[in-house]
Amino acid sequence: MVGVKDVADILYGVERNGSIKIIDKNSKKMYAEVAKRLLPCIWNRNRIPNDYVKRSVEKASNPLIYKEQKNWERAVTLACSLIKKYRNEEEWNVSLNKKETDRSYLYGRLLAVADRIEYRTYDERDEKRITNAKRYMNTFSQRPYETWKIIEENLQPYLNKLKIQEKLFYENLLNDIYELFDVEKFIDNRRLDGLYLLGFHSQSYDFKLKKENMEEKKED
């Protein structure tokens, strides 16, 4: 897990000059409070405070509040780490679990696929554009079924811009994820728990690994 000061900055800081820091006049007290509550979790393996977990998920679910992509990615990484530790899983494995049927995890995977599809159609002029997946992320985490229908409807034009083989790959992947859902859980519009971020991050990381492997094969 990242350092205690980093945790405090991500949870309670604001973005300023490309980095995240606590700028409140009581910053020293806030750092001390976070250290007081987190150090026993590190030294004695106590459970992570639930309010820290919830706050980290809220921060990671709001990519639009960050100007720098790297800062939002730090928030996502922290949230995933705290979620895993809160669930008593000591090591956070970012590997994609293709057999996981948890509703939140699966919805997170769907969001990552939608994000990837739209991003694949961007060119250099679109470098700073925000995908619909990220734009709707906060609402999606609160009302997934309702919001996914909106994201899915907006996805078709981007799919149509892809080459046939790539389009089929993503359509098949979406169908594979749909098949893992229990129908009743899929249409359940209640708020997702933090596990959706693990699904999102793991699916996104899987795309990254596939891209790196393809680039290595081209070099060979």
C-alpha atoms as a PDB file:
ATOM      1  CA  MET A   1       0.000   0.000   0.000  1.00  0.00           C
ATOM      2  CA  VAL A   2       1.188   3.580  -0.569  1.00  0.00           C
ATOM      3  CA  GLY A   3       2.558   5.655   2.310  1.00  0.00           C
ATOM      4  CA  VAL A   4       0.283   7.085   4.979  1.00  0.00           C
ATOM      5  CA  LYS A   5       0.917  10.658   3.795  1.00  0.00           C
ATOM      6  CA  ASP A   6      -0.038   9.669   0.248  1.00  0.00           C
ATOM      7  CA  VAL A   7      -3.245   8.091   1.540  1.00  0.00           C
ATOM      8  CA  ALA A   8      -4.124  11.268   3.426  1.00  0.00           C
ATOM      9  CA  ASP A   9      -3.417  13.435   0.361  1.00  0.00           C
ATOM     10  CA  ILE A  10      -5.587  11.307  -1.919  1.00  0.00           C
ATOM     11  CA  LEU A  11      -8.449  11.088   0.587  1.00  0.00           C
ATOM     12  CA  TYR A  12      -8.520  14.711   1.720  1.00  0.00           C
ATOM     13  CA  GLY A  13      -6.326  16.672  -0.662  1.00  0.00           C
ATOM     14  CA  VAL A  14      -7.090  18.690  -3.775  1.00  0.00           C
ATOM     15  CA  GLU A  15      -5.311  18.850  -7.092  1.00  0.00           C
ATOM     16  CA  ARG A  16      -2.896  21.763  -7.268  1.00  0.00           C
ATOM     17  CA  ASN A  17      -0.047  22.283  -9.769  1.00  0.00           C
ATOM     18  CA  GLY A  18      -0.304  18.735 -11.065  1.00  0.00           C
ATOM     19  CA  SER A  19      -0.247  16.962  -7.722  1.00  0.00           C
ATOM     20  CA  ILE A  20      -2.660  16.173  -4.893  1.00  0.00           C
ATOM     21  CA  LYS A  21      -2.037  17.704  -1.484  1.00  0.00           C
ATOM     22  CA  ILE A  22      -3.941  18.712   1.630  1.00  0.00           C
ATOM     23  CA  ILE A  23      -3.913  22.504   1.631  1.00  0.00           C
ATOM     24  CA  ASP A  24      -6.232  22.969   4.604  1.00  0.00           C
ATOM     25  CA  LYS A  25      -4.757  25.071   7.433  1.00  0.00           C
ATOM     26  CA  ASN A  26      -5.255  22.068   9.716  1.00  0.00           C
ATOM     27  CA  SER A  27      -3.264  19.795   7.370  1.00  0.00           C
ATOM     28  CA  LYS A  28      -0.842  18.658  10.115  1.00  0.00           C
ATOM     29  CA  LYS A  29      -3.737  17.493  12.271  1.00  0.00           C
ATOM     30  CA  MET A  30      -5.304  15.696   9.320  1.00  0.00           C
ATOM     31  CA  TYR A  31      -2.058  13.881   8.482  1.00  0.00           C
ATOM     32  CA  ALA A  32      -1.667  12.937  12.140  1.00  0.00           C
ATOM     33  CA  GLU A  33      -5.242  11.641  12.344  1.00  0.00           C
ATOM     34  CA  VAL A  34      -4.846   9.468   9.247  1.00  0.00           C
ATOM     35  CA  ALA A  35      -1.559   8.094  10.592  1.00  0.00           C
ATOM     36  CA  LYS A  36      -3.154   7.378  13.976  1.00  0.00           C
ATOM     37  CA  ARG A  37      -5.944   5.352  12.369  1.00  0.00           C
ATOM     38  CA  LEU A  38      -3.943   3.629   9.623  1.00  0.00           C
ATOM     39  CA  LEU A  39      -0.717   2.610  11.352  1.00  0.00           C
ATOM     40  CA  PRO A  40      -2.452  -0.042  13.526  1.00  0.00           C
ATOM     41  CA  CYS A  41      -3.833  -1.500  10.278  1.00  0.00           C
ATOM     42  CA  ILE A  42      -0.283  -1.786   8.955  1.00  0.00           C
ATOM     43  CA  TRP A  43       1.449  -2.929  12.122  1.00  0.00           C
ATOM     44  CA  ASN A  44      -1.272  -5.049  13.721  1.00  0.00           C
ATOM     45  CA  ARG A  45      -3.239  -5.914  10.594  1.00  0.00           C
ATOM     46  CA  ASN A  46      -6.337  -4.258  11.994  1.00  0.00           C
ATOM     47  CA  ARG A  47      -9.204  -3.710   9.593  1.00  0.00           C
ATOM     48  CA  ILE A  48      -9.087  -0.600   7.403  1.00  0.00           C
ATOM     49  CA  PRO A  49     -11.606   2.025   8.650  1.00  0.00           C
ATOM     50  CA  ASN A  50     -14.795   1.704   6.615  1.00  0.00           C
ATOM     51  CA  ASP A  51     -15.150   5.481   6.196  1.00  0.00           C
ATOM     52  CA  TYR A  52     -11.718   5.577   4.529  1.00  0.00           C
ATOM     53  CA  VAL A  53     -12.774   2.823   2.134  1.00  0.00           C
ATOM     54  CA  LYS A  54     -15.995   4.648   1.235  1.00  0.00           C
ATOM     55  CA  ARG A  55     -14.215   7.963   0.773  1.00  0.00           C
ATOM     56  CA  SER A  56     -11.579   6.381  -1.468  1.00  0.00           C
ATOM     57  CA  VAL A  57     -14.316   4.839  -3.640  1.00  0.00           C
ATOM     58  CA  GLU A  58     -16.085   8.195  -3.905  1.00  0.00           C
ATOM     59  CA  LYS A  59     -12.845   9.894  -4.969  1.00  0.00           C
ATOM     60  CA  ALA A  60     -12.027   7.219  -7.554  1.00  0.00           C
ATOM     61  CA  SER A  61     -15.580   7.325  -8.916  1.00  0.00           C
ATOM     62  CA  ASN A  62     -15.208  10.999  -9.848  1.00  0.00           C
ATOM     63  CA  PRO A  63     -12.556  11.190 -12.589  1.00  0.00           C
ATOM     64  CA  LEU A  64     -13.897  14.570 -13.728  1.00  0.00           C
ATOM     65  CA  ILE A  65     -12.549  16.286 -10.600  1.00  0.00           C
ATOM     66  CA  TYR A  66      -8.987  15.559 -11.740  1.00  0.00           C
ATOM     67  CA  LYS A  67      -7.186  17.474 -14.460  1.00  0.00           C
ATOM     68  CA  GLU A  68      -4.296  15.016 -14.521  1.00  0.00           C
ATOM     69  CA  GLN A  69      -5.009  11.409 -15.522  1.00  0.00           C
ATOM     70  CA  LYS A  70      -2.199  10.180 -13.274  1.00  0.00           C
ATOM     71  CA  ASN A  71      -3.884  11.671 -10.195  1.00  0.00           C
ATOM     72  CA  TRP A  72      -7.175   9.912 -10.905  1.00  0.00           C
ATOM     73  CA  GLU A  73      -5.260   6.668 -11.483  1.00  0.00           C
ATOM     74  CA  ARG A  74      -3.636   7.109  -8.064  1.00  0.00           C
ATOM     75  CA  ALA A  75      -7.100   7.470  -6.533  1.00  0.00           C
ATOM     76  CA  VAL A  76      -8.302   4.296  -8.276  1.00  0.00           C
ATOM     77  CA  THR A  77      -5.222   2.353  -7.187  1.00  0.00           C
ATOM     78  CA  LEU A  78      -5.672   3.456  -3.570  1.00  0.00           C
ATOM     79  CA  ALA A  79      -9.383   2.583  -3.572  1.00  0.00           C
ATOM     80  CA  CYS A  80      -8.686  -0.889  -4.968  1.00  0.00           C
ATOM     81  CA  SER A  81      -5.963  -1.467  -2.386  1.00  0.00           C
ATOM     82  CA  LEU A  82      -8.152  -0.369   0.549  1.00  0.00           C
ATOM     83  CA  ILE A  83     -11.080  -2.470  -0.702  1.00  0.00           C
ATOM     84  CA  LYS A  84      -8.918  -5.587  -0.889  1.00  0.00           C
ATOM     85  CA  LYS A  85      -7.458  -4.998   2.564  1.00  0.00           C
ATOM     86  CA  TYR A  86     -10.896  -4.283   4.020  1.00  0.00           C
ATOM     87  CA  ARG A  87     -11.985  -7.647   2.621  1.00  0.00           C
ATOM     88  CA  ASN A  88      -9.013  -9.233   4.414  1.00  0.00           C
ATOM     89  CA  GLU A  89      -7.148  -9.993   1.207  1.00  0.00           C
ATOM     90  CA  GLU A  90      -3.570  -9.083   2.016  1.00  0.00           C
ATOM     91  CA  GLU A  91      -2.186  -8.946  -1.499  1.00  0.00           C
ATOM     92  CA  TRP A  92      -4.029  -7.064  -4.209  1.00  0.00           C
ATOM     93  CA  ASN A  93      -3.766  -9.072  -7.406  1.00  0.00           C
ATOM     94  CA  VAL A  94      -4.699  -6.926 -10.397  1.00  0.00           C
ATOM     95  CA  SER A  95      -5.067  -9.976 -12.638  1.00  0.00           C
ATOM     96  CA  LEU A  96      -8.490 -10.169 -14.262  1.00  0.00           C
ATOM     97  CA  ASN A  97     -10.786 -12.814 -12.779  1.00  0.00           C
ATOM     98  CA  LYS A  98     -12.793 -14.005 -15.769  1.00  0.00           C
ATOM     99  CA  LYS A  99     -14.913 -16.310 -13.612  1.00  0.00           C
ATOM    100  CA  GLU A 100     -16.019 -13.748 -11.011  1.00  0.00           C
ATOM    101  CA  THR A 101     -19.807 -13.383 -10.986  1.00  0.00           C
ATOM    102  CA  ASP A 102     -20.148 -10.612  -8.398  1.00  0.00           C
ATOM    103  CA  ARG A 103     -22.558  -7.991  -9.777  1.00  0.00           C
ATOM    104  CA  SER A 104     -20.382  -4.997  -8.906  1.00  0.00           C
ATOM    105  CA  TYR A 105     -17.233  -6.589 -10.341  1.00  0.00           C
ATOM    106  CA  LEU A 106     -19.015  -7.433 -13.605  1.00  0.00           C
ATOM    107  CA  TYR A 107     -20.474  -3.957 -13.972  1.00  0.00           C
ATOM    108  CA  GLY A 108     -16.982  -2.562 -13.446  1.00  0.00           C
ATOM    109  CA  ARG A 109     -15.720  -4.780 -16.264  1.00  0.00           C
ATOM    110  CA  LEU A 110     -18.467  -3.542 -18.575  1.00  0.00           C
ATOM    111  CA  LEU A 111     -17.510   0.054 -17.839  1.00  0.00           C
ATOM    112  CA  ALA A 112     -13.858  -0.674 -18.615  1.00  0.00           C
ATOM    113  CA  VAL A 113     -14.773  -2.252 -21.959  1.00  0.00           C
ATOM    114  CA  ALA A 114     -16.937   0.758 -22.877  1.00  0.00           C
ATOM    115  CA  ASP A 115     -14.096   3.083 -21.910  1.00  0.00           C
ATOM    116  CA  ARG A 116     -11.653   1.117 -24.048  1.00  0.00           C
ATOM    117  CA  ILE A 117     -13.909   0.970 -27.105  1.00  0.00           C
ATOM    118  CA  GLU A 118     -14.398   4.729 -27.186  1.00  0.00           C
ATOM    119  CA  TYR A 119     -10.733   5.430 -26.457  1.00  0.00           C
ATOM    120  CA  ARG A 120      -9.667   3.203 -29.379  1.00  0.00           C
ATOM    121  CA  THR A 121     -11.385   5.600 -31.807  1.00  0.00           C
ATOM    122  CA  TYR A 122      -9.482   8.663 -30.583  1.00  0.00           C
ATOM    123  CA  ASP A 123      -6.649  10.315 -32.476  1.00  0.00           C
ATOM    124  CA  GLU A 124      -4.087  12.894 -31.387  1.00  0.00           C
ATOM    125  CA  ARG A 125      -6.669  15.689 -31.484  1.00  0.00           C
ATOM    126  CA  ASP A 126      -8.799  13.786 -28.952  1.00  0.00           C
ATOM    127  CA  GLU A 127      -5.984  13.332 -26.454  1.00  0.00           C
ATOM    128  CA  LYS A 128      -7.749  15.220 -23.640  1.00  0.00           C
ATOM    129  CA  ARG A 129     -11.302  14.093 -24.417  1.00  0.00           C
ATOM    130  CA  ILE A 130     -13.182  12.326 -21.654  1.00  0.00           C
ATOM    131  CA  THR A 131     -14.892   9.065 -22.584  1.00  0.00           C
ATOM    132  CA  ASN A 132     -18.567   8.597 -21.766  1.00  0.00           C
ATOM    133  CA  ALA A 133     -17.591   5.795 -19.407  1.00  0.00           C
ATOM    134  CA  LYS A 134     -15.572   8.206 -17.280  1.00  0.00           C
ATOM    135  CA  ARG A 135     -18.083  11.028 -17.709  1.00  0.00           C
ATOM    136  CA  TYR A 136     -20.886   8.854 -16.335  1.00  0.00           C
ATOM    137  CA  MET A 137     -18.758   6.935 -13.842  1.00  0.00           C
ATOM    138  CA  ASN A 138     -20.112   8.522 -10.678  1.00  0.00           C
ATOM    139  CA  THR A 139     -23.745   8.159 -11.770  1.00  0.00           C
ATOM    140  CA  PHE A 140     -22.985   4.639 -12.989  1.00  0.00           C
ATOM    141  CA  SER A 141     -21.722   3.618  -9.547  1.00  0.00           C
ATOM    142  CA  GLN A 142     -24.999   4.804  -7.996  1.00  0.00           C
ATOM    143  CA  ARG A 143     -27.489   3.634 -10.664  1.00  0.00           C
ATOM    144  CA  PRO A 144     -25.676   1.048 -12.786  1.00  0.00           C
ATOM    145  CA  TYR A 145     -28.478  -0.550 -14.789  1.00  0.00           C
ATOM    146  CA  GLU A 146     -30.096   2.749 -15.736  1.00  0.00           C
ATOM    147  CA  THR A 147     -26.772   4.410 -16.573  1.00  0.00           C
ATOM    148  CA  TRP A 148     -25.363   1.433 -18.457  1.00  0.00           C
ATOM    149  CA  LYS A 149     -28.259   1.608 -20.923  1.00  0.00           C
ATOM    150  CA  ILE A 150     -27.238   5.199 -21.717  1.00  0.00           C
ATOM    151  CA  ILE A 151     -23.566   4.301 -22.078  1.00  0.00           C
ATOM    152  CA  GLU A 152     -24.394   1.272 -24.216  1.00  0.00           C
ATOM    153  CA  GLU A 153     -26.579   3.320 -26.587  1.00  0.00           C
ATOM    154  CA  ASN A 154     -23.759   5.828 -27.042  1.00  0.00           C
ATOM    155  CA  LEU A 155     -21.264   3.032 -27.681  1.00  0.00           C
ATOM    156  CA  GLN A 156     -22.517   1.864 -31.086  1.00  0.00           C
ATOM    157  CA  PRO A 157     -21.078   4.736 -33.172  1.00  0.00           C
ATOM    158  CA  TYR A 158     -17.633   4.060 -31.670  1.00  0.00           C
ATOM    159  CA  LEU A 159     -17.911   0.327 -32.329  1.00  0.00           C
ATOM    160  CA  ASN A 160     -18.770   1.085 -35.944  1.00  0.00           C
ATOM    161  CA  LYS A 161     -15.552   3.083 -36.318  1.00  0.00           C
ATOM    162  CA  LEU A 162     -13.422   0.051 -35.443  1.00  0.00           C
ATOM    163  CA  LYS A 163     -12.114  -2.498 -37.902  1.00  0.00           C
ATOM    164  CA  ILE A 164     -14.330  -5.567 -38.210  1.00  0.00           C
ATOM    165  CA  GLN A 165     -12.012  -7.890 -36.298  1.00  0.00           C
ATOM    166  CA  GLU A 166     -11.567  -5.476 -33.399  1.00  0.00           C
ATOM    167  CA  LYS A 167     -15.288  -4.691 -33.313  1.00  0.00           C
ATOM    168  CA  LEU A 168     -16.100  -8.418 -33.068  1.00  0.00           C
ATOM    169  CA  PHE A 169     -13.553  -8.837 -30.282  1.00  0.00           C
ATOM    170  CA  TYR A 170     -15.188  -6.195 -28.096  1.00  0.00           C
ATOM    171  CA  GLU A 171     -18.735  -7.315 -28.916  1.00  0.00           C
ATOM    172  CA  ASN A 172     -17.837 -10.881 -27.950  1.00  0.00           C
ATOM    173  CA  LEU A 173     -16.168  -9.671 -24.768  1.00  0.00           C
ATOM    174  CA  LEU A 174     -19.287  -7.717 -23.783  1.00  0.00           C
ATOM    175  CA  ASN A 175     -21.411 -10.802 -24.444  1.00  0.00           C
ATOM    176  CA  ASP A 176     -19.051 -12.953 -22.337  1.00  0.00           C
ATOM    177  CA  ILE A 177     -19.485 -10.549 -19.410  1.00  0.00           C
ATOM    178  CA  TYR A 178     -23.270 -10.405 -19.869  1.00  0.00           C
ATOM    179  CA  GLU A 179     -23.416 -14.200 -19.661  1.00  0.00           C
ATOM    180  CA  LEU A 180     -21.763 -14.154 -16.233  1.00  0.00           C
ATOM    181  CA  PHE A 181     -24.571 -11.998 -14.817  1.00  0.00           C
ATOM    182  CA  ASP A 182     -27.570 -13.339 -12.984  1.00  0.00           C
ATOM    183  CA  VAL A 183     -30.468 -11.616 -14.793  1.00  0.00           C
ATOM    184  CA  GLU A 184     -32.062 -10.330 -11.600  1.00  0.00           C
ATOM    185  CA  LYS A 185     -28.770  -8.871 -10.425  1.00  0.00           C
ATOM    186  CA  PHE A 186     -28.118  -7.249 -13.791  1.00  0.00           C
ATOM    187  CA  ILE A 187     -31.391  -5.301 -13.746  1.00  0.00           C
ATOM    188  CA  ASP A 188     -30.904  -4.382 -10.078  1.00  0.00           C
ATOM    189  CA  ASN A 189     -30.346  -0.618 -10.137  1.00  0.00           C
ATOM    190  CA  ARG A 190     -29.016  -0.297  -6.583  1.00  0.00           C
ATOM    191  CA  ARG A 191     -25.653   1.334  -5.854  1.00  0.00           C
ATOM    192  CA  LEU A 192     -22.583  -0.755  -6.631  1.00  0.00           C
ATOM    193  CA  ASP A 193     -20.085  -1.523  -3.899  1.00  0.00           C
ATOM    194  CA  GLY A 194     -16.387  -0.761  -4.235  1.00  0.00           C
ATOM    195  CA  LEU A 195     -15.723  -4.076  -5.951  1.00  0.00           C
ATOM    196  CA  TYR A 196     -16.802  -2.450  -9.223  1.00  0.00           C
ATOM    197  CA  LEU A 197     -13.550  -0.480  -9.163  1.00  0.00           C
ATOM    198  CA  LEU A 198     -11.606  -3.739  -8.922  1.00  0.00           C
ATOM    199  CA  GLY A 199     -13.494  -5.040 -11.947  1.00  0.00           C
ATOM    200  CA  PHE A 200     -12.857  -1.804 -13.834  1.00  0.00           C
ATOM    201  CA  HIS A 201      -9.182  -1.662 -12.966  1.00  0.00           C
ATOM    202  CA  SER A 202      -8.507  -5.354 -13.584  1.00  0.00           C
ATOM    203  CA  GLN A 203     -10.195  -5.281 -16.997  1.00  0.00           C
ATOM    204  CA  SER A 204      -8.326  -2.096 -17.929  1.00  0.00           C
ATOM    205  CA  TYR A 205      -5.044  -3.639 -16.782  1.00  0.00           C
ATOM    206  CA  ASP A 206      -5.770  -6.730 -18.876  1.00  0.00           C
ATOM    207  CA  PHE A 207      -6.170  -4.531 -21.969  1.00  0.00           C
ATOM    208  CA  LYS A 208      -2.849  -2.874 -21.154  1.00  0.00           C
ATOM    209  CA  LEU A 209      -1.066  -6.232 -20.865  1.00  0.00           C
ATOM    210  CA  LYS A 210      -2.511  -7.431 -24.179  1.00  0.00           C
ATOM    211  CA  LYS A 211      -1.326  -4.237 -25.864  1.00  0.00           C
ATOM    212  CA  GLU A 212       2.181  -4.607 -24.422  1.00  0.00           C
ATOM    213  CA  ASN A 213       2.354  -8.254 -25.519  1.00  0.00           C
ATOM    214  CA  MET A 214       1.284  -7.342 -29.054  1.00  0.00           C
ATOM    215  CA  GLU A 215       3.930  -4.622 -29.235  1.00  0.00           C
ATOM    216  CA  GLU A 216       6.602  -7.071 -28.048  1.00  0.00           C
ATOM    217  CA  LYS A 217       5.614  -9.570 -30.751  1.00  0.00           C
ATOM    218  CA  LYS A 218       5.825  -6.854 -33.400  1.00  0.00           C
ATOM    219  CA  GLU A 219       9.346  -5.945 -32.217  1.00  0.00           C
ATOM    220  CA  ASP A 220      10.398  -9.609 -32.344  1.00  0.00           C
END
